[in-house]
Amino acid sequence: MQKYSVSICFSKSDNCYVASIPELKGCMAHGDTYIEAIKEIQDAMDLHIEMILELGHELPQPKLLA
């Protein structure tokens, strides 16, 4: 399984935590709490990856930290 970067920020205007995976364009989720945002982005990532594979596309490589 690929391991991707997750970015989480608090949105004052939406009053929630917004999570995204930079390597998977458009893969975003939100939650009322930080933990909820983590759970939601995991589900979103799973669905996003499933869609990429069903379309026959290659998965983007994860960014690696040195």
PDB file of N, CA and C in Angstrom:
ATOM      1  N   MET A   1       0.852  -1.188   0.000  1.00  0.00           N
ATOM      2  CA  MET A   1       0.000   0.000   0.000  1.00  0.00           C
ATOM      3  C   MET A   1       0.889   1.240   0.000  1.00  0.00           C
ATOM      4  N   GLN A   2       0.519   2.211  -0.793  1.00  0.00           N
ATOM      5  CA  GLN A   2       1.253   3.478  -0.868  1.00  0.00           C
ATOM      6  C   GLN A   2       1.014   4.299   0.401  1.00  0.00           C
ATOM      7  N   LYS A   3       2.016   5.050   0.785  1.00  0.00           N
ATOM      8  CA  LYS A   3       1.888   5.937   1.948  1.00  0.00           C
ATOM      9  C   LYS A   3       2.036   7.365   1.451  1.00  0.00           C
ATOM     10  N   TYR A   4       0.959   8.124   1.542  1.00  0.00           N
ATOM     11  CA  TYR A   4       0.926   9.482   1.025  1.00  0.00           C
ATOM     12  C   TYR A   4       0.964  10.515   2.145  1.00  0.00           C
ATOM     13  N   SER A   5       1.376  11.713   1.780  1.00  0.00           N
ATOM     14  CA  SER A   5       1.393  12.848   2.710  1.00  0.00           C
ATOM     15  C   SER A   5      -0.040  13.289   2.980  1.00  0.00           C
ATOM     16  N   VAL A   6      -0.297  13.739   4.186  1.00  0.00           N
ATOM     17  CA  VAL A   6      -1.604  14.287   4.530  1.00  0.00           C
ATOM     18  C   VAL A   6      -1.395  15.680   5.099  1.00  0.00           C
ATOM     19  N   SER A   7      -2.157  16.619   4.579  1.00  0.00           N
ATOM     20  CA  SER A   7      -2.118  17.994   5.063  1.00  0.00           C
ATOM     21  C   SER A   7      -3.443  18.279   5.767  1.00  0.00           C
ATOM     22  N   ILE A   8      -3.367  18.792   6.999  1.00  0.00           N
ATOM     23  CA  ILE A   8      -4.594  19.109   7.748  1.00  0.00           C
ATOM     24  C   ILE A   8      -4.499  20.537   8.267  1.00  0.00           C
ATOM     25  N   CYS A   9      -5.531  21.314   7.981  1.00  0.00           N
ATOM     26  CA  CYS A   9      -5.608  22.708   8.445  1.00  0.00           C
ATOM     27  C   CYS A   9      -6.990  22.949   9.037  1.00  0.00           C
ATOM     28  N   PHE A  10      -7.055  23.894   9.952  1.00  0.00           N
ATOM     29  CA  PHE A  10      -8.364  24.284  10.481  1.00  0.00           C
ATOM     30  C   PHE A  10      -8.886  25.442   9.647  1.00  0.00           C
ATOM     31  N   SER A  11     -10.113  25.336   9.178  1.00  0.00           N
ATOM     32  CA  SER A  11     -10.756  26.390   8.399  1.00  0.00           C
ATOM     33  C   SER A  11     -11.696  27.178   9.306  1.00  0.00           C
ATOM     34  N   LYS A  12     -11.329  28.436   9.564  1.00  0.00           N
ATOM     35  CA  LYS A  12     -12.204  29.282  10.390  1.00  0.00           C
ATOM     36  C   LYS A  12     -13.536  29.517   9.694  1.00  0.00           C
ATOM     37  N   SER A  13     -13.497  29.744   8.384  1.00  0.00           N
ATOM     38  CA  SER A  13     -14.729  30.059   7.661  1.00  0.00           C
ATOM     39  C   SER A  13     -15.698  28.875   7.643  1.00  0.00           C
ATOM     40  N   ASP A  14     -15.160  27.643   7.606  1.00  0.00           N
ATOM     41  CA  ASP A  14     -16.012  26.455   7.606  1.00  0.00           C
ATOM     42  C   ASP A  14     -16.164  25.840   8.993  1.00  0.00           C
ATOM     43  N   ASN A  15     -15.358  26.325   9.950  1.00  0.00           N
ATOM     44  CA  ASN A  15     -15.368  25.840  11.320  1.00  0.00           C
ATOM     45  C   ASN A  15     -15.171  24.322  11.393  1.00  0.00           C
ATOM     46  N   CYS A  16     -14.168  23.840  10.644  1.00  0.00           N
ATOM     47  CA  CYS A  16     -13.853  22.418  10.656  1.00  0.00           C
ATOM     48  C   CYS A  16     -12.407  22.212  10.220  1.00  0.00           C
ATOM     49  N   TYR A  17     -11.922  20.997  10.395  1.00  0.00           N
ATOM     50  CA  TYR A  17     -10.588  20.623   9.929  1.00  0.00           C
ATOM     51  C   TYR A  17     -10.706  20.097   8.505  1.00  0.00           C
ATOM     52  N   VAL A  18      -9.830  20.563   7.639  1.00  0.00           N
ATOM     53  CA  VAL A  18      -9.829  20.149   6.240  1.00  0.00           C
ATOM     54  C   VAL A  18      -8.546  19.371   5.987  1.00  0.00           C
ATOM     55  N   ALA A  19      -8.684  18.168   5.459  1.00  0.00           N
ATOM     56  CA  ALA A  19      -7.536  17.306   5.170  1.00  0.00           C
ATOM     57  C   ALA A  19      -7.444  17.085   3.666  1.00  0.00           C
ATOM     58  N   SER A  20      -6.210  17.008   3.182  1.00  0.00           N
ATOM     59  CA  SER A  20      -6.011  16.723   1.766  1.00  0.00           C
ATOM     60  C   SER A  20      -4.754  15.880   1.592  1.00  0.00           C
ATOM     61  N   ILE A  21      -4.663  15.233   0.443  1.00  0.00           N
ATOM     62  CA  ILE A  21      -3.481  14.454   0.087  1.00  0.00           C
ATOM     63  C   ILE A  21      -2.909  15.093  -1.170  1.00  0.00           C
ATOM     64  N   PRO A  22      -1.809  15.847  -1.026  1.00  0.00           N
ATOM     65  CA  PRO A  22      -1.265  16.588  -2.166  1.00  0.00           C
ATOM     66  C   PRO A  22      -0.953  15.732  -3.393  1.00  0.00           C
ATOM     67  N   GLU A  23      -0.501  14.506  -3.199  1.00  0.00           N
ATOM     68  CA  GLU A  23      -0.154  13.642  -4.331  1.00  0.00           C
ATOM     69  C   GLU A  23      -1.383  13.166  -5.107  1.00  0.00           C
ATOM     70  N   LEU A  24      -2.541  13.172  -4.469  1.00  0.00           N
ATOM     71  CA  LEU A  24      -3.783  12.732  -5.109  1.00  0.00           C
ATOM     72  C   LEU A  24      -4.671  13.951  -5.334  1.00  0.00           C
ATOM     73  N   LYS A  25      -4.508  14.578  -6.494  1.00  0.00           N
ATOM     74  CA  LYS A  25      -5.237  15.816  -6.793  1.00  0.00           C
ATOM     75  C   LYS A  25      -6.731  15.671  -6.551  1.00  0.00           C
ATOM     76  N   GLY A  26      -7.280  16.597  -5.790  1.00  0.00           N
ATOM     77  CA  GLY A  26      -8.715  16.611  -5.532  1.00  0.00           C
ATOM     78  C   GLY A  26      -9.155  15.712  -4.392  1.00  0.00           C
ATOM     79  N   CYS A  27      -8.231  15.018  -3.768  1.00  0.00           N
ATOM     80  CA  CYS A  27      -8.586  14.134  -2.659  1.00  0.00           C
ATOM     81  C   CYS A  27      -8.608  14.948  -1.369  1.00  0.00           C
ATOM     82  N   MET A  28      -9.809  15.274  -0.912  1.00  0.00           N
ATOM     83  CA  MET A  28      -9.987  16.102   0.281  1.00  0.00           C
ATOM     84  C   MET A  28     -11.120  15.549   1.135  1.00  0.00           C
ATOM     85  N   ALA A  29     -11.081  15.903   2.411  1.00  0.00           N
ATOM     86  CA  ALA A  29     -12.140  15.508   3.341  1.00  0.00           C
ATOM     87  C   ALA A  29     -12.134  16.527   4.486  1.00  0.00           C
ATOM     88  N   HIS A  30     -13.163  16.471   5.308  1.00  0.00           N
ATOM     89  CA  HIS A  30     -13.203  17.379   6.457  1.00  0.00           C
ATOM     90  C   HIS A  30     -13.840  16.669   7.651  1.00  0.00           C
ATOM     91  N   GLY A  31     -13.634  17.268   8.815  1.00  0.00           N
ATOM     92  CA  GLY A  31     -14.224  16.731  10.033  1.00  0.00           C
ATOM     93  C   GLY A  31     -14.325  17.803  11.093  1.00  0.00           C
ATOM     94  N   ASP A  32     -15.219  17.615  12.030  1.00  0.00           N
ATOM     95  CA  ASP A  32     -15.380  18.575  13.123  1.00  0.00           C
ATOM     96  C   ASP A  32     -14.175  18.560  14.057  1.00  0.00           C
ATOM     97  N   THR A  33     -13.490  17.427  14.126  1.00  0.00           N
ATOM     98  CA  THR A  33     -12.296  17.310  14.958  1.00  0.00           C
ATOM     99  C   THR A  33     -11.134  16.853  14.075  1.00  0.00           C
ATOM    100  N   TYR A  34      -9.926  17.012  14.608  1.00  0.00           N
ATOM    101  CA  TYR A  34      -8.721  16.580  13.902  1.00  0.00           C
ATOM    102  C   TYR A  34      -8.781  15.079  13.618  1.00  0.00           C
ATOM    103  N   ILE A  35      -9.182  14.312  14.622  1.00  0.00           N
ATOM    104  CA  ILE A  35      -9.270  12.849  14.484  1.00  0.00           C
ATOM    105  C   ILE A  35     -10.313  12.467  13.441  1.00  0.00           C
ATOM    106  N   GLU A  36     -11.435  13.149  13.443  1.00  0.00           N
ATOM    107  CA  GLU A  36     -12.483  12.861  12.452  1.00  0.00           C
ATOM    108  C   GLU A  36     -11.971  13.163  11.037  1.00  0.00           C
ATOM    109  N   ALA A  37     -11.211  14.236  10.880  1.00  0.00           N
ATOM    110  CA  ALA A  37     -10.649  14.577   9.569  1.00  0.00           C
ATOM    111  C   ALA A  37      -9.681  13.493   9.096  1.00  0.00           C
ATOM    112  N   ILE A  38      -8.892  12.949  10.025  1.00  0.00           N
ATOM    113  CA  ILE A  38      -7.967  11.859   9.685  1.00  0.00           C
ATOM    114  C   ILE A  38      -8.747  10.636   9.189  1.00  0.00           C
ATOM    115  N   LYS A  39      -9.804  10.273   9.908  1.00  0.00           N
ATOM    116  CA  LYS A  39     -10.614   9.117   9.511  1.00  0.00           C
ATOM    117  C   LYS A  39     -11.261   9.344   8.150  1.00  0.00           C
ATOM    118  N   GLU A  40     -11.769  10.537   7.928  1.00  0.00           N
ATOM    119  CA  GLU A  40     -12.448  10.851   6.674  1.00  0.00           C
ATOM    120  C   GLU A  40     -11.480  10.871   5.492  1.00  0.00           C
ATOM    121  N   ILE A  41     -10.257  11.389   5.695  1.00  0.00           N
ATOM    122  CA  ILE A  41      -9.301  11.423   4.583  1.00  0.00           C
ATOM    123  C   ILE A  41      -8.835  10.016   4.241  1.00  0.00           C
ATOM    124  N   GLN A  42      -8.787   9.125   5.218  1.00  0.00           N
ATOM    125  CA  GLN A  42      -8.428   7.730   4.936  1.00  0.00           C
ATOM    126  C   GLN A  42      -9.470   7.101   4.016  1.00  0.00           C
ATOM    127  N   ASP A  43     -10.746   7.334   4.334  1.00  0.00           N
ATOM    128  CA  ASP A  43     -11.825   6.804   3.483  1.00  0.00           C
ATOM    129  C   ASP A  43     -11.765   7.423   2.089  1.00  0.00           C
ATOM    130  N   ALA A  44     -11.551   8.738   2.039  1.00  0.00           N
ATOM    131  CA  ALA A  44     -11.474   9.429   0.748  1.00  0.00           C
ATOM    132  C   ALA A  44     -10.296   8.912  -0.075  1.00  0.00           C
ATOM    133  N   MET A  45      -9.156   8.677   0.578  1.00  0.00           N
ATOM    134  CA  MET A  45      -7.975   8.172  -0.119  1.00  0.00           C
ATOM    135  C   MET A  45      -8.255   6.785  -0.691  1.00  0.00           C
ATOM    136  N   ASP A  46      -8.866   5.918   0.089  1.00  0.00           N
ATOM    137  CA  ASP A  46      -9.178   4.570  -0.376  1.00  0.00           C
ATOM    138  C   ASP A  46     -10.062   4.618  -1.628  1.00  0.00           C
ATOM    139  N   LEU A  47     -11.085   5.457  -1.604  1.00  0.00           N
ATOM    140  CA  LEU A  47     -11.985   5.588  -2.755  1.00  0.00           C
ATOM    141  C   LEU A  47     -11.269   6.206  -3.952  1.00  0.00           C
ATOM    142  N   HIS A  48     -10.439   7.200  -3.693  1.00  0.00           N
ATOM    143  CA  HIS A  48      -9.691   7.871  -4.754  1.00  0.00           C
ATOM    144  C   HIS A  48      -8.750   6.878  -5.452  1.00  0.00           C
ATOM    145  N   ILE A  49      -8.030   6.101  -4.669  1.00  0.00           N
ATOM    146  CA  ILE A  49      -7.110   5.106  -5.224  1.00  0.00           C
ATOM    147  C   ILE A  49      -7.885   4.042  -6.007  1.00  0.00           C
ATOM    148  N   GLU A  50      -9.001   3.614  -5.458  1.00  0.00           N
ATOM    149  CA  GLU A  50      -9.841   2.620  -6.155  1.00  0.00           C
ATOM    150  C   GLU A  50     -10.268   3.143  -7.521  1.00  0.00           C
ATOM    151  N   MET A  51     -10.677   4.410  -7.586  1.00  0.00           N
ATOM    152  CA  MET A  51     -11.110   5.011  -8.838  1.00  0.00           C
ATOM    153  C   MET A  51      -9.951   5.085  -9.840  1.00  0.00           C
ATOM    154  N   ILE A  52      -8.778   5.503  -9.374  1.00  0.00           N
ATOM    155  CA  ILE A  52      -7.601   5.594 -10.249  1.00  0.00           C
ATOM    156  C   ILE A  52      -7.295   4.229 -10.860  1.00  0.00           C
ATOM    157  N   LEU A  53      -7.307   3.200 -10.036  1.00  0.00           N
ATOM    158  CA  LEU A  53      -6.997   1.852 -10.517  1.00  0.00           C
ATOM    159  C   LEU A  53      -8.075   1.318 -11.456  1.00  0.00           C
ATOM    160  N   GLU A  54      -9.344   1.593 -11.153  1.00  0.00           N
ATOM    161  CA  GLU A  54     -10.440   1.143 -12.019  1.00  0.00           C
ATOM    162  C   GLU A  54     -10.346   1.779 -13.401  1.00  0.00           C
ATOM    163  N   LEU A  55      -9.842   3.017 -13.454  1.00  0.00           N
ATOM    164  CA  LEU A  55      -9.691   3.711 -14.730  1.00  0.00           C
ATOM    165  C   LEU A  55      -8.436   3.270 -15.476  1.00  0.00           C
ATOM    166  N   GLY A  56      -7.643   2.416 -14.834  1.00  0.00           N
ATOM    167  CA  GLY A  56      -6.441   1.900 -15.469  1.00  0.00           C
ATOM    168  C   GLY A  56      -5.256   2.845 -15.438  1.00  0.00           C
ATOM    169  N   HIS A  57      -5.321   3.845 -14.567  1.00  0.00           N
ATOM    170  CA  HIS A  57      -4.221   4.802 -14.447  1.00  0.00           C
ATOM    171  C   HIS A  57      -3.211   4.326 -13.409  1.00  0.00           C
ATOM    172  N   GLU A  58      -2.000   4.868 -13.507  1.00  0.00           N
ATOM    173  CA  GLU A  58      -0.959   4.566 -12.525  1.00  0.00           C
ATOM    174  C   GLU A  58      -1.138   5.451 -11.302  1.00  0.00           C
ATOM    175  N   LEU A  59      -0.865   4.880 -10.138  1.00  0.00           N
ATOM    176  CA  LEU A  59      -0.920   5.674  -8.908  1.00  0.00           C
ATOM    177  C   LEU A  59       0.282   6.613  -8.856  1.00  0.00           C
ATOM    178  N   PRO A  60       0.062   7.848  -8.395  1.00  0.00           N
ATOM    179  CA  PRO A  60       1.186   8.765  -8.218  1.00  0.00           C
ATOM    180  C   PRO A  60       2.118   8.226  -7.126  1.00  0.00           C
ATOM    181  N   GLN A  61       3.399   8.504  -7.275  1.00  0.00           N
ATOM    182  CA  GLN A  61       4.369   8.100  -6.268  1.00  0.00           C
ATOM    183  C   GLN A  61       4.242   8.997  -5.042  1.00  0.00           C
ATOM    184  N   PRO A  62       4.348   8.428  -3.849  1.00  0.00           N
ATOM    185  CA  PRO A  62       4.339   9.248  -2.631  1.00  0.00           C
ATOM    186  C   PRO A  62       5.595  10.117  -2.561  1.00  0.00           C
ATOM    187  N   LYS A  63       5.441  11.277  -1.932  1.00  0.00           N
ATOM    188  CA  LYS A  63       6.607  12.121  -1.675  1.00  0.00           C
ATOM    189  C   LYS A  63       7.380  11.493  -0.528  1.00  0.00           C
ATOM    190  N   LEU A  64       8.691  11.441  -0.665  1.00  0.00           N
ATOM    191  CA  LEU A  64       9.516  10.844   0.373  1.00  0.00           C
ATOM    192  C   LEU A  64      10.343  11.904   1.077  1.00  0.00           C
ATOM    193  N   LEU A  65      10.425  11.801   2.381  1.00  0.00           N
ATOM    194  CA  LEU A  65      11.279  12.683   3.169  1.00  0.00           C
ATOM    195  C   LEU A  65      12.632  12.034   3.314  1.00  0.00           C
ATOM    196  N   ALA A  66      13.662  12.823   3.183  1.00  0.00           N
ATOM    197  CA  ALA A  66      15.025  12.277   3.310  1.00  0.00           C
ATOM    198  C   ALA A  66      15.401  12.121   4.751  1.00  0.00           C
TER     199      ALA A  66
END
